[in-house]
Amino acid sequence: MRKSIENLAGRKFTGGRRIANRGRRKFEIDRYPNEAIAGPTDIVTRRTRGGNVKAAFKFAEFANVIDPATHKAVKSKITKVAKNPANRDYERRGVVSKGALIETEAGTALVTSRPGQTGVVNAVLVKQ
């Protein structure tokens, strides 16, 4: 079931019911979140508003890791999600989202992109 962004049939501050005078518009319908999980790469494409296409990770295997000291980027394999401050459940399930700390072959890195939205994992090395 798709959920909606806007609550058309809200209630009055007194608690009384308000009946919506129209149904949902297509642009008001939300979709389920696409949560990128660390694993063998799998990309899904979704049609967005205006007929555009959004490529998003279902599973992410590699990350573009930037070393702030040398300003060099290297493609590195994601081994595990160390910490995800967005959600404890994401941490347990290994979901890669913006702000997550991931263990890579290059070291611990902080994710700066939105893999579920853009289809790419960009990260910056963190000093330990």
Protein backbone atom coordinates (compact mmCIF):
# COMPACT_ATOMS: atom_id res chain seq x y z
CA MET A 1 0.00 0.00 0.00
CA ARG A 2 1.33 3.40 -0.93
CA LYS A 3 1.17 6.07 1.69
CA SER A 4 0.40 9.69 0.97
CA ILE A 5 2.45 12.77 1.74
CA GLU A 6 -0.52 14.98 2.49
CA ASN A 7 -3.29 14.14 4.92
CA LEU A 8 -6.38 15.30 3.05
CA ALA A 9 -8.95 14.14 5.60
CA GLY A 10 -7.57 15.60 8.82
CA ARG A 11 -9.43 16.49 11.98
CA LYS A 12 -10.40 19.84 13.43
CA PHE A 13 -8.66 21.06 16.58
CA THR A 14 -11.86 20.18 18.46
CA GLY A 15 -11.53 16.56 17.35
CA GLY A 16 -14.34 16.67 14.81
CA ARG A 17 -14.02 14.85 11.49
CA ARG A 18 -13.22 16.60 8.24
CA ILE A 19 -14.13 14.87 5.00
CA ALA A 20 -11.77 15.36 2.08
CA ASN A 21 -13.32 17.19 -0.85
CA ARG A 22 -11.11 15.33 -3.35
CA GLY A 23 -8.96 12.22 -3.68
CA ARG A 24 -5.19 11.87 -3.91
CA ARG A 25 -3.32 13.45 -6.78
CA LYS A 26 -0.64 11.39 -8.50
CA PHE A 27 2.15 13.72 -7.26
CA GLU A 28 0.93 13.33 -3.66
CA ILE A 29 1.45 9.58 -3.63
CA ASP A 30 4.67 8.48 -1.95
CA ARG A 31 6.53 5.21 -2.53
CA TYR A 32 8.23 2.74 -0.26
CA PRO A 33 11.82 3.72 0.62
CA ASN A 34 14.60 2.00 -1.29
CA GLU A 35 17.16 0.96 1.31
CA ALA A 36 20.56 0.07 -0.12
CA ILE A 37 22.03 -2.96 1.65
CA ALA A 38 25.71 -3.97 1.62
CA GLY A 39 26.06 -6.92 -0.76
CA PRO A 40 26.51 -7.87 -4.42
CA THR A 41 25.53 -4.91 -6.62
CA ASP A 42 21.92 -4.74 -7.79
CA ILE A 43 20.41 -1.56 -9.25
CA VAL A 44 16.71 -0.82 -9.72
CA THR A 45 15.31 1.92 -11.94
CA ARG A 46 12.11 3.71 -11.06
CA ARG A 47 10.01 6.13 -13.07
CA THR A 48 9.70 9.48 -11.33
CA ARG A 49 7.62 12.58 -11.92
CA GLY A 50 7.99 14.08 -15.37
CA GLY A 51 8.84 10.73 -16.96
CA ASN A 52 12.38 10.83 -15.58
CA VAL A 53 14.19 7.71 -14.38
CA LYS A 54 15.82 7.31 -10.98
CA ALA A 55 18.50 4.64 -10.63
CA ALA A 56 18.88 3.36 -7.08
CA PHE A 57 20.86 0.66 -5.31
CA LYS A 58 19.11 -2.35 -3.88
CA PHE A 59 22.48 -3.83 -2.93
CA ALA A 60 25.79 -1.93 -2.93
CA GLU A 61 29.14 -3.72 -3.18
CA PHE A 62 31.60 -0.88 -3.87
CA ALA A 63 32.06 2.69 -2.66
CA ASN A 64 33.99 5.64 -4.10
CA VAL A 65 36.19 6.50 -1.11
CA ILE A 66 38.02 9.83 -0.95
CA ASP A 67 41.11 10.29 1.22
CA PRO A 68 40.98 13.89 2.56
CA ALA A 69 44.75 13.95 3.14
CA THR A 70 45.72 13.16 -0.46
CA HIS A 71 42.46 14.23 -2.20
CA LYS A 72 42.50 10.96 -4.15
CA ALA A 73 39.46 8.79 -4.81
CA VAL A 74 39.61 5.00 -4.90
CA LYS A 75 36.93 2.38 -5.60
CA SER A 76 36.82 0.19 -2.51
CA LYS A 77 34.77 -2.86 -1.53
CA ILE A 78 32.28 -2.44 1.32
CA THR A 79 32.84 -5.11 3.97
CA LYS A 80 30.18 -4.09 6.51
CA VAL A 81 28.17 -1.23 7.97
CA ALA A 82 29.85 -0.26 11.23
CA LYS A 83 27.36 2.35 12.43
CA ASN A 84 24.25 4.07 11.12
CA PRO A 85 23.08 6.99 13.27
CA ALA A 86 19.91 7.38 11.17
CA ASN A 87 18.38 4.18 12.55
CA ARG A 88 19.50 1.37 14.85
CA ASP A 89 17.62 -1.14 12.73
CA TYR A 90 19.57 -0.01 9.65
CA GLU A 91 22.77 -0.75 11.54
CA ARG A 92 21.62 -4.28 12.34
CA ARG A 93 20.42 -4.98 8.80
CA GLY A 94 23.45 -3.40 7.10
CA VAL A 95 21.62 -0.60 5.31
CA VAL A 96 23.91 1.97 3.67
CA SER A 97 22.42 5.47 3.91
CA LYS A 98 23.80 9.00 4.11
CA GLY A 99 25.77 9.49 7.33
CA ALA A 100 26.47 5.78 7.82
CA LEU A 101 29.96 4.61 8.84
CA ILE A 102 31.08 1.76 6.59
CA GLU A 103 34.07 -0.54 6.79
CA THR A 104 35.86 -0.68 3.43
CA GLU A 105 39.14 -2.14 2.19
CA ALA A 106 40.55 1.41 2.34
CA GLY A 107 39.41 1.87 5.98
CA THR A 108 36.44 3.32 7.85
CA ALA A 109 34.51 5.83 5.75
CA LEU A 110 31.52 8.15 6.17
CA VAL A 111 28.88 7.95 3.43
CA THR A 112 28.16 11.36 1.86
CA SER A 113 25.78 10.36 -0.96
CA ARG A 114 22.25 8.91 -0.88
CA PRO A 115 22.58 5.40 -2.37
CA GLY A 116 18.85 4.69 -2.31
CA GLN A 117 18.21 7.84 -4.36
CA THR A 118 21.24 8.28 -6.63
CA GLY A 119 22.57 4.76 -7.19
CA VAL A 120 26.13 5.58 -6.12
CA VAL A 121 27.97 5.29 -2.80
CA ASN A 122 30.41 8.15 -2.19
CA ALA A 123 32.32 8.20 1.08
CA VAL A 124 35.11 10.09 2.88
CA LEU A 125 37.78 8.34 4.95
CA VAL A 126 37.54 8.99 8.69
CA LYS A 127 40.62 9.26 10.90
CA GLN A 128 40.69 6.62 13.61
